[in-house]
């Protein structure tokens, strides 16, 4: 439903982002545990997670560091994994591009899978939202996620190896992505994009440094755009 103020949009964002703490918690704890096992102290772990703030990139960099990869390779691999955020940014620019630069800079730091998915769905659902309301919703989504991510990472770092393997914390990642993907498959074009990107990702698992994910993402977007054009042409011709 339409929002009356930026404050109401913010709290709507909080409600949208709150369910993700169920999976963000185990995900953050898992990173804290693995980082502690890799030999990082608590200060290093928290600086790492606070400055990077990108779970997949953090796990990638940590794995490369454990493999004693050169620093340049570590940075390049983490960047490759995080380049999907550039795609997210491009998709959100039409909605947030008119905001003040300091808000856009802060939003850019917090563009992650959850903020992108929840915000894009809401913006498309309520096209009459003002820019302040869109920004309010975006930051509302992140309001419960950010502190919980930091807290769960700290908890994992403190507990370290005392967390039993039977907890299977790594279950959180696939569940989180499935929860975000489902609501976004609303049109045939979305489904085509998801199918093509999934197949491409599976076929490019051999590509080093996770670059296959970028290829899959690009192919998925092109397939979805082409499907949307075909659907529009069919409507016009009818």
C-alpha atoms as a PDB file:
ATOM      1  CA  UNK A   1       0.000   0.000   0.000  1.00  0.00           C
ATOM      2  CA  UNK A   2       1.198   3.622  -0.555  1.00  0.00           C
ATOM      3  CA  UNK A   3       3.366   5.163   2.146  1.00  0.00           C
ATOM      4  CA  UNK A   4       2.516   8.542   3.662  1.00  0.00           C
ATOM      5  CA  UNK A   5       5.955   9.400   5.055  1.00  0.00           C
ATOM      6  CA  UNK A   6       9.589   8.305   4.825  1.00  0.00           C
ATOM      7  CA  UNK A   7       9.248   7.078   8.409  1.00  0.00           C
ATOM      8  CA  UNK A   8       6.420   4.689   7.491  1.00  0.00           C
ATOM      9  CA  UNK A   9       8.499   3.437   4.544  1.00  0.00           C
ATOM     10  CA  UNK A  10      11.445   2.868   6.890  1.00  0.00           C
ATOM     11  CA  UNK A  11       9.392   0.697   9.250  1.00  0.00           C
ATOM     12  CA  UNK A  12       7.950  -1.219   6.327  1.00  0.00           C
ATOM     13  CA  UNK A  13      11.547  -1.921   5.308  1.00  0.00           C
ATOM     14  CA  UNK A  14      12.338  -3.113   8.834  1.00  0.00           C
ATOM     15  CA  UNK A  15       9.462  -5.585   8.621  1.00  0.00           C
ATOM     16  CA  UNK A  16      10.732  -6.832   5.254  1.00  0.00           C
ATOM     17  CA  UNK A  17      14.313  -7.231   6.442  1.00  0.00           C
ATOM     18  CA  UNK A  18      13.609  -8.714   9.877  1.00  0.00           C
ATOM     19  CA  UNK A  19      12.939 -12.322   8.702  1.00  0.00           C
ATOM     20  CA  UNK A  20      16.441 -12.491   7.225  1.00  0.00           C
ATOM     21  CA  UNK A  21      18.061 -12.416  10.652  1.00  0.00           C
ATOM     22  CA  UNK A  22      17.028 -16.074  10.928  1.00  0.00           C
ATOM     23  CA  UNK A  23      19.608 -16.960   8.282  1.00  0.00           C
ATOM     24  CA  UNK A  24      22.004 -14.034   8.731  1.00  0.00           C
ATOM     25  CA  UNK A  25      22.722 -15.218  12.276  1.00  0.00           C
ATOM     26  CA  UNK A  26      24.064 -18.684  11.371  1.00  0.00           C
ATOM     27  CA  UNK A  27      25.822 -17.230   8.305  1.00  0.00           C
ATOM     28  CA  UNK A  28      27.647 -14.628  10.409  1.00  0.00           C
ATOM     29  CA  UNK A  29      28.503 -17.173  13.103  1.00  0.00           C
ATOM     30  CA  UNK A  30      29.949 -19.488  10.465  1.00  0.00           C
ATOM     31  CA  UNK A  31      32.215 -16.741   9.168  1.00  0.00           C
ATOM     32  CA  UNK A  32      33.337 -15.892  12.691  1.00  0.00           C
ATOM     33  CA  UNK A  33      34.139 -19.544  13.417  1.00  0.00           C
ATOM     34  CA  UNK A  34      36.060 -20.096  10.175  1.00  0.00           C
ATOM     35  CA  UNK A  35      37.963 -16.833  10.537  1.00  0.00           C
ATOM     36  CA  UNK A  36      38.982 -17.783  14.088  1.00  0.00           C
ATOM     37  CA  UNK A  37      40.080 -21.215  12.891  1.00  0.00           C
ATOM     38  CA  UNK A  38      42.133 -19.506  10.166  1.00  0.00           C
ATOM     39  CA  UNK A  39      44.128 -17.698  12.847  1.00  0.00           C
ATOM     40  CA  UNK A  40      42.549 -14.230  12.809  1.00  0.00           C
ATOM     41  CA  UNK A  41      42.005 -12.574  16.181  1.00  0.00           C
ATOM     42  CA  UNK A  42      38.719 -10.959  17.187  1.00  0.00           C
ATOM     43  CA  UNK A  43      39.800  -7.430  16.229  1.00  0.00           C
ATOM     44  CA  UNK A  44      40.910  -8.573  12.768  1.00  0.00           C
ATOM     45  CA  UNK A  45      37.696 -10.524  12.248  1.00  0.00           C
ATOM     46  CA  UNK A  46      35.465  -7.598  13.198  1.00  0.00           C
ATOM     47  CA  UNK A  47      37.433  -5.074  11.123  1.00  0.00           C
ATOM     48  CA  UNK A  48      37.250  -7.515   8.223  1.00  0.00           C
ATOM     49  CA  UNK A  49      33.481  -7.939   8.449  1.00  0.00           C
ATOM     50  CA  UNK A  50      32.791  -4.250   9.163  1.00  0.00           C
ATOM     51  CA  UNK A  51      34.815  -2.901   6.248  1.00  0.00           C
ATOM     52  CA  UNK A  52      33.960  -5.514   3.625  1.00  0.00           C
ATOM     53  CA  UNK A  53      30.350  -6.241   4.664  1.00  0.00           C
ATOM     54  CA  UNK A  54      29.796  -8.854   1.973  1.00  0.00           C
ATOM     55  CA  UNK A  55      29.422 -12.411   3.201  1.00  0.00           C
ATOM     56  CA  UNK A  56      30.237 -14.258  -0.024  1.00  0.00           C
ATOM     57  CA  UNK A  57      33.284 -12.078  -0.703  1.00  0.00           C
ATOM     58  CA  UNK A  58      34.467 -12.507   2.888  1.00  0.00           C
ATOM     59  CA  UNK A  59      34.262 -16.293   2.654  1.00  0.00           C
ATOM     60  CA  UNK A  60      36.060 -16.240  -0.706  1.00  0.00           C
ATOM     61  CA  UNK A  61      38.865 -14.026   0.575  1.00  0.00           C
ATOM     62  CA  UNK A  62      39.216 -16.122   3.724  1.00  0.00           C
ATOM     63  CA  UNK A  63      39.490 -19.338   1.714  1.00  0.00           C
ATOM     64  CA  UNK A  64      42.114 -17.815  -0.577  1.00  0.00           C
ATOM     65  CA  UNK A  65      44.083 -16.549   2.422  1.00  0.00           C
ATOM     66  CA  UNK A  66      44.054 -20.037   3.941  1.00  0.00           C
ATOM     67  CA  UNK A  67      45.380 -21.366   0.637  1.00  0.00           C
ATOM     68  CA  UNK A  68      48.239 -18.823   0.856  1.00  0.00           C
ATOM     69  CA  UNK A  69      47.191 -17.198  -2.424  1.00  0.00           C
ATOM     70  CA  UNK A  70      48.941 -13.947  -3.438  1.00  0.00           C
ATOM     71  CA  UNK A  71      47.289 -10.790  -2.138  1.00  0.00           C
ATOM     72  CA  UNK A  72      46.394  -9.661  -5.660  1.00  0.00           C
ATOM     73  CA  UNK A  73      44.581 -12.950  -6.320  1.00  0.00           C
ATOM     74  CA  UNK A  74      42.721 -12.685  -3.007  1.00  0.00           C
ATOM     75  CA  UNK A  75      41.525  -9.172  -3.863  1.00  0.00           C
ATOM     76  CA  UNK A  76      40.627 -10.082  -7.449  1.00  0.00           C
ATOM     77  CA  UNK A  77      38.645 -13.152  -6.365  1.00  0.00           C
ATOM     78  CA  UNK A  78      36.686 -11.247  -3.727  1.00  0.00           C
ATOM     79  CA  UNK A  79      35.992  -8.491  -6.256  1.00  0.00           C
ATOM     80  CA  UNK A  80      34.805 -11.031  -8.840  1.00  0.00           C
ATOM     81  CA  UNK A  81      32.310 -12.506  -6.368  1.00  0.00           C
ATOM     82  CA  UNK A  82      31.105  -9.050  -5.374  1.00  0.00           C
ATOM     83  CA  UNK A  83      30.678  -7.724  -8.909  1.00  0.00           C
ATOM     84  CA  UNK A  84      27.064  -8.878  -8.769  1.00  0.00           C
ATOM     85  CA  UNK A  85      26.531  -5.833  -6.564  1.00  0.00           C
ATOM     86  CA  UNK A  86      27.344  -3.685  -9.606  1.00  0.00           C
ATOM     87  CA  UNK A  87      24.368  -5.332 -11.317  1.00  0.00           C
ATOM     88  CA  UNK A  88      22.252  -4.624  -8.246  1.00  0.00           C
ATOM     89  CA  UNK A  89      23.378  -0.997  -8.270  1.00  0.00           C
ATOM     90  CA  UNK A  90      22.447  -0.572 -11.926  1.00  0.00           C
ATOM     91  CA  UNK A  91      18.974  -1.980 -11.244  1.00  0.00           C
ATOM     92  CA  UNK A  92      18.421   0.355  -8.254  1.00  0.00           C
ATOM     93  CA  UNK A  93      19.797   3.522  -9.886  1.00  0.00           C
ATOM     94  CA  UNK A  94      16.508   4.476 -11.619  1.00  0.00           C
ATOM     95  CA  UNK A  95      14.830   4.474  -8.201  1.00  0.00           C
ATOM     96  CA  UNK A  96      17.570   5.969  -5.991  1.00  0.00           C
ATOM     97  CA  UNK A  97      19.693   7.966  -8.439  1.00  0.00           C
ATOM     98  CA  UNK A  98      18.094  11.300  -7.516  1.00  0.00           C
ATOM     99  CA  UNK A  99      18.941  10.985  -3.797  1.00  0.00           C
ATOM    100  CA  UNK A 100      21.685  13.155  -2.226  1.00  0.00           C
ATOM    101  CA  UNK A 101      25.163  11.834  -2.903  1.00  0.00           C
ATOM    102  CA  UNK A 102      25.885  11.030   0.762  1.00  0.00           C
ATOM    103  CA  UNK A 103      22.774   8.838   0.894  1.00  0.00           C
ATOM    104  CA  UNK A 104      23.738   7.104  -2.335  1.00  0.00           C
ATOM    105  CA  UNK A 105      27.267   6.509  -1.028  1.00  0.00           C
ATOM    106  CA  UNK A 106      25.922   4.975   2.181  1.00  0.00           C
ATOM    107  CA  UNK A 107      23.388   2.902   0.256  1.00  0.00           C
ATOM    108  CA  UNK A 108      26.151   1.679  -2.074  1.00  0.00           C
ATOM    109  CA  UNK A 109      28.048   0.266   0.898  1.00  0.00           C
ATOM    110  CA  UNK A 110      24.946  -1.592   2.081  1.00  0.00           C
ATOM    111  CA  UNK A 111      23.861  -3.004  -1.286  1.00  0.00           C
ATOM    112  CA  UNK A 112      23.716  -6.708  -0.566  1.00  0.00           C
ATOM    113  CA  UNK A 113      21.402  -9.469  -1.725  1.00  0.00           C
ATOM    114  CA  UNK A 114      18.753  -8.770   0.903  1.00  0.00           C
ATOM    115  CA  UNK A 115      18.586  -4.982   0.478  1.00  0.00           C
ATOM    116  CA  UNK A 116      18.503  -5.324  -3.309  1.00  0.00           C
ATOM    117  CA  UNK A 117      15.815  -8.005  -3.460  1.00  0.00           C
ATOM    118  CA  UNK A 118      13.459  -6.496  -0.878  1.00  0.00           C
ATOM    119  CA  UNK A 119      13.841  -2.945  -2.196  1.00  0.00           C
ATOM    120  CA  UNK A 120      13.378  -3.770  -5.881  1.00  0.00           C
ATOM    121  CA  UNK A 121      10.235  -5.769  -5.162  1.00  0.00           C
ATOM    122  CA  UNK A 122       8.790  -2.896  -3.100  1.00  0.00           C
ATOM    123  CA  UNK A 123       9.720  -0.213  -5.647  1.00  0.00           C
ATOM    124  CA  UNK A 124       8.054  -2.148  -8.452  1.00  0.00           C
ATOM    125  CA  UNK A 125       5.007  -2.792  -6.293  1.00  0.00           C
ATOM    126  CA  UNK A 126       4.662   0.897  -5.314  1.00  0.00           C
ATOM    127  CA  UNK A 127       5.899   2.991  -8.263  1.00  0.00           C
ATOM    128  CA  UNK A 128       4.583   6.221  -6.703  1.00  0.00           C
ATOM    129  CA  UNK A 129       7.045   6.124  -3.806  1.00  0.00           C
ATOM    130  CA  UNK A 130       9.117   9.293  -3.495  1.00  0.00           C
ATOM    131  CA  UNK A 131      12.906   9.126  -3.432  1.00  0.00           C
ATOM    132  CA  UNK A 132      13.052   9.798   0.352  1.00  0.00           C
ATOM    133  CA  UNK A 133      10.515   7.005   0.886  1.00  0.00           C
ATOM    134  CA  UNK A 134      12.565   4.632  -1.273  1.00  0.00           C
ATOM    135  CA  UNK A 135      15.688   5.470   0.682  1.00  0.00           C
ATOM    136  CA  UNK A 136      13.788   5.065   3.932  1.00  0.00           C
ATOM    137  CA  UNK A 137      12.624   1.615   2.880  1.00  0.00           C
ATOM    138  CA  UNK A 138      16.130   0.604   1.747  1.00  0.00           C
ATOM    139  CA  UNK A 139      17.755   1.547   5.043  1.00  0.00           C
ATOM    140  CA  UNK A 140      14.835   0.032   6.930  1.00  0.00           C
ATOM    141  CA  UNK A 141      15.578  -3.345   5.360  1.00  0.00           C
ATOM    142  CA  UNK A 142      19.165  -3.134   6.574  1.00  0.00           C
ATOM    143  CA  UNK A 143      18.330  -1.826  10.068  1.00  0.00           C
ATOM    144  CA  UNK A 144      17.784  -5.281  11.642  1.00  0.00           C
ATOM    145  CA  UNK A 145      20.306  -7.080   9.418  1.00  0.00           C
ATOM    146  CA  UNK A 146      23.461  -4.991   9.942  1.00  0.00           C
ATOM    147  CA  UNK A 147      23.732  -5.148  13.755  1.00  0.00           C
ATOM    148  CA  UNK A 148      22.723  -8.815  13.789  1.00  0.00           C
ATOM    149  CA  UNK A 149      25.385  -9.637  11.185  1.00  0.00           C
ATOM    150  CA  UNK A 150      28.057  -7.957  13.315  1.00  0.00           C
ATOM    151  CA  UNK A 151      26.807  -9.551  16.519  1.00  0.00           C
ATOM    152  CA  UNK A 152      26.615 -13.069  15.061  1.00  0.00           C
ATOM    153  CA  UNK A 153      30.090 -12.712  13.554  1.00  0.00           C
ATOM    154  CA  UNK A 154      31.451 -11.636  16.939  1.00  0.00           C
ATOM    155  CA  UNK A 155      29.658 -14.541  18.619  1.00  0.00           C
ATOM    156  CA  UNK A 156      31.157 -17.014  16.154  1.00  0.00           C
ATOM    157  CA  UNK A 157      34.615 -15.523  16.608  1.00  0.00           C
ATOM    158  CA  UNK A 158      34.371 -15.730  20.406  1.00  0.00           C
ATOM    159  CA  UNK A 159      32.969 -19.256  20.504  1.00  0.00           C
ATOM    160  CA  UNK A 160      35.209 -20.536  17.703  1.00  0.00           C
ATOM    161  CA  UNK A 161      35.643 -24.284  17.627  1.00  0.00           C
ATOM    162  CA  UNK A 162      33.317 -24.704  20.608  1.00  0.00           C
ATOM    163  CA  UNK A 163      30.371 -24.658  18.173  1.00  0.00           C
ATOM    164  CA  UNK A 164      29.701 -28.319  17.271  1.00  0.00           C
ATOM    165  CA  UNK A 165      29.713 -29.355  13.615  1.00  0.00           C
ATOM    166  CA  UNK A 166      26.282 -30.931  14.145  1.00  0.00           C
ATOM    167  CA  UNK A 167      24.806 -27.405  14.135  1.00  0.00           C
ATOM    168  CA  UNK A 168      25.494 -27.280  10.359  1.00  0.00           C
ATOM    169  CA  UNK A 169      25.576 -23.490  10.203  1.00  0.00           C
ATOM    170  CA  UNK A 170      26.277 -23.546   6.471  1.00  0.00           C
ATOM    171  CA  UNK A 171      22.615 -24.416   5.838  1.00  0.00           C
ATOM    172  CA  UNK A 172      21.832 -20.697   6.107  1.00  0.00           C
ATOM    173  CA  UNK A 173      23.290 -19.615   2.774  1.00  0.00           C
ATOM    174  CA  UNK A 174      21.119 -21.630   0.340  1.00  0.00           C
ATOM    175  CA  UNK A 175      17.995 -20.982   2.417  1.00  0.00           C
ATOM    176  CA  UNK A 176      18.625 -17.241   2.341  1.00  0.00           C
ATOM    177  CA  UNK A 177      18.985 -17.143  -1.438  1.00  0.00           C
ATOM    178  CA  UNK A 178      15.893 -19.299  -1.978  1.00  0.00           C
ATOM    179  CA  UNK A 179      13.892 -16.968   0.273  1.00  0.00           C
ATOM    180  CA  UNK A 180      14.965 -13.966  -1.807  1.00  0.00           C
ATOM    181  CA  UNK A 181      14.577 -15.637  -5.197  1.00  0.00           C
ATOM    182  CA  UNK A 182      11.020 -16.940  -4.794  1.00  0.00           C
ATOM    183  CA  UNK A 183       9.162 -13.592  -4.567  1.00  0.00           C
ATOM    184  CA  UNK A 184      11.127 -12.206  -7.536  1.00  0.00           C
ATOM    185  CA  UNK A 185       9.948 -14.851 -10.017  1.00  0.00           C
ATOM    186  CA  UNK A 186       6.777 -12.977 -10.930  1.00  0.00           C
ATOM    187  CA  UNK A 187       6.884 -12.910 -14.732  1.00  0.00           C
ATOM    188  CA  UNK A 188       7.940 -15.290 -17.532  1.00  0.00           C
ATOM    189  CA  UNK A 189      10.959 -13.038 -18.190  1.00  0.00           C
ATOM    190  CA  UNK A 190      12.093 -13.436 -14.569  1.00  0.00           C
ATOM    191  CA  UNK A 191      11.750 -17.210 -14.852  1.00  0.00           C
ATOM    192  CA  UNK A 192      13.732 -17.302 -18.097  1.00  0.00           C
ATOM    193  CA  UNK A 193      16.501 -15.232 -16.520  1.00  0.00           C
ATOM    194  CA  UNK A 194      16.625 -17.518 -13.474  1.00  0.00           C
ATOM    195  CA  UNK A 195      16.673 -20.684 -15.589  1.00  0.00           C
ATOM    196  CA  UNK A 196      19.389 -19.478 -17.960  1.00  0.00           C
ATOM    197  CA  UNK A 197      21.608 -18.149 -15.176  1.00  0.00           C
ATOM    198  CA  UNK A 198      21.217 -21.380 -13.191  1.00  0.00           C
ATOM    199  CA  UNK A 199      22.173 -23.562 -16.155  1.00  0.00           C
ATOM    200  CA  UNK A 200      25.072 -21.259 -17.039  1.00  0.00           C
ATOM    201  CA  UNK A 201      26.351 -21.282 -13.453  1.00  0.00           C
ATOM    202  CA  UNK A 202      26.339 -25.077 -13.407  1.00  0.00           C
ATOM    203  CA  UNK A 203      28.153 -25.258 -16.751  1.00  0.00           C
ATOM    204  CA  UNK A 204      30.846 -22.773 -15.718  1.00  0.00           C
ATOM    205  CA  UNK A 205      31.822 -24.203 -12.335  1.00  0.00           C
ATOM    206  CA  UNK A 206      35.235 -24.984 -13.842  1.00  0.00           C
ATOM    207  CA  UNK A 207      36.025 -21.291 -14.427  1.00  0.00           C
ATOM    208  CA  UNK A 208      38.630 -20.178 -11.849  1.00  0.00           C
ATOM    209  CA  UNK A 209      38.029 -17.647  -9.073  1.00  0.00           C
ATOM    210  CA  UNK A 210      34.211 -17.956  -9.318  1.00  0.00           C
ATOM    211  CA  UNK A 211      34.154 -15.903 -12.522  1.00  0.00           C
ATOM    212  CA  UNK A 212      31.564 -18.310 -13.892  1.00  0.00           C
ATOM    213  CA  UNK A 213      28.999 -16.623 -11.658  1.00  0.00           C
ATOM    214  CA  UNK A 214      29.531 -13.342 -13.499  1.00  0.00           C
ATOM    215  CA  UNK A 215      29.129 -15.057 -16.847  1.00  0.00           C
ATOM    216  CA  UNK A 216      25.944 -16.722 -15.609  1.00  0.00           C
ATOM    217  CA  UNK A 217      24.576 -13.449 -14.282  1.00  0.00           C
ATOM    218  CA  UNK A 218      25.229 -11.631 -17.556  1.00  0.00           C
ATOM    219  CA  UNK A 219      23.654 -14.414 -19.622  1.00  0.00           C
ATOM    220  CA  UNK A 220      20.644 -14.512 -17.317  1.00  0.00           C
ATOM    221  CA  UNK A 221      20.063 -10.767 -17.632  1.00  0.00           C
ATOM    222  CA  UNK A 222      20.370 -10.889 -21.430  1.00  0.00           C
ATOM    223  CA  UNK A 223      17.985 -13.835 -21.653  1.00  0.00           C
ATOM    224  CA  UNK A 224      15.462 -12.134 -19.367  1.00  0.00           C
ATOM    225  CA  UNK A 225      15.642  -8.870 -21.320  1.00  0.00           C
ATOM    226  CA  UNK A 226      15.194 -10.729 -24.601  1.00  0.00           C
ATOM    227  CA  UNK A 227      12.227 -12.663 -23.215  1.00  0.00           C
ATOM    228  CA  UNK A 228      10.614  -9.428 -22.043  1.00  0.00           C
ATOM    229  CA  UNK A 229      11.066  -7.857 -25.492  1.00  0.00           C
ATOM    230  CA  UNK A 230       9.504 -10.890 -27.162  1.00  0.00           C
ATOM    231  CA  UNK A 231       6.537 -10.775 -24.792  1.00  0.00           C
ATOM    232  CA  UNK A 232       6.008  -7.042 -25.449  1.00  0.00           C
ATOM    233  CA  UNK A 233       6.188  -7.541 -29.218  1.00  0.00           C
ATOM    234  CA  UNK A 234       3.634 -10.329 -28.992  1.00  0.00           C
ATOM    235  CA  UNK A 235       1.276  -8.067 -27.041  1.00  0.00           C
ATOM    236  CA  UNK A 236       1.618  -5.288 -29.610  1.00  0.00           C
ATOM    237  CA  UNK A 237       0.956  -7.637 -32.538  1.00  0.00           C
ATOM    238  CA  UNK A 238      -2.216  -9.033 -30.970  1.00  0.00           C
END
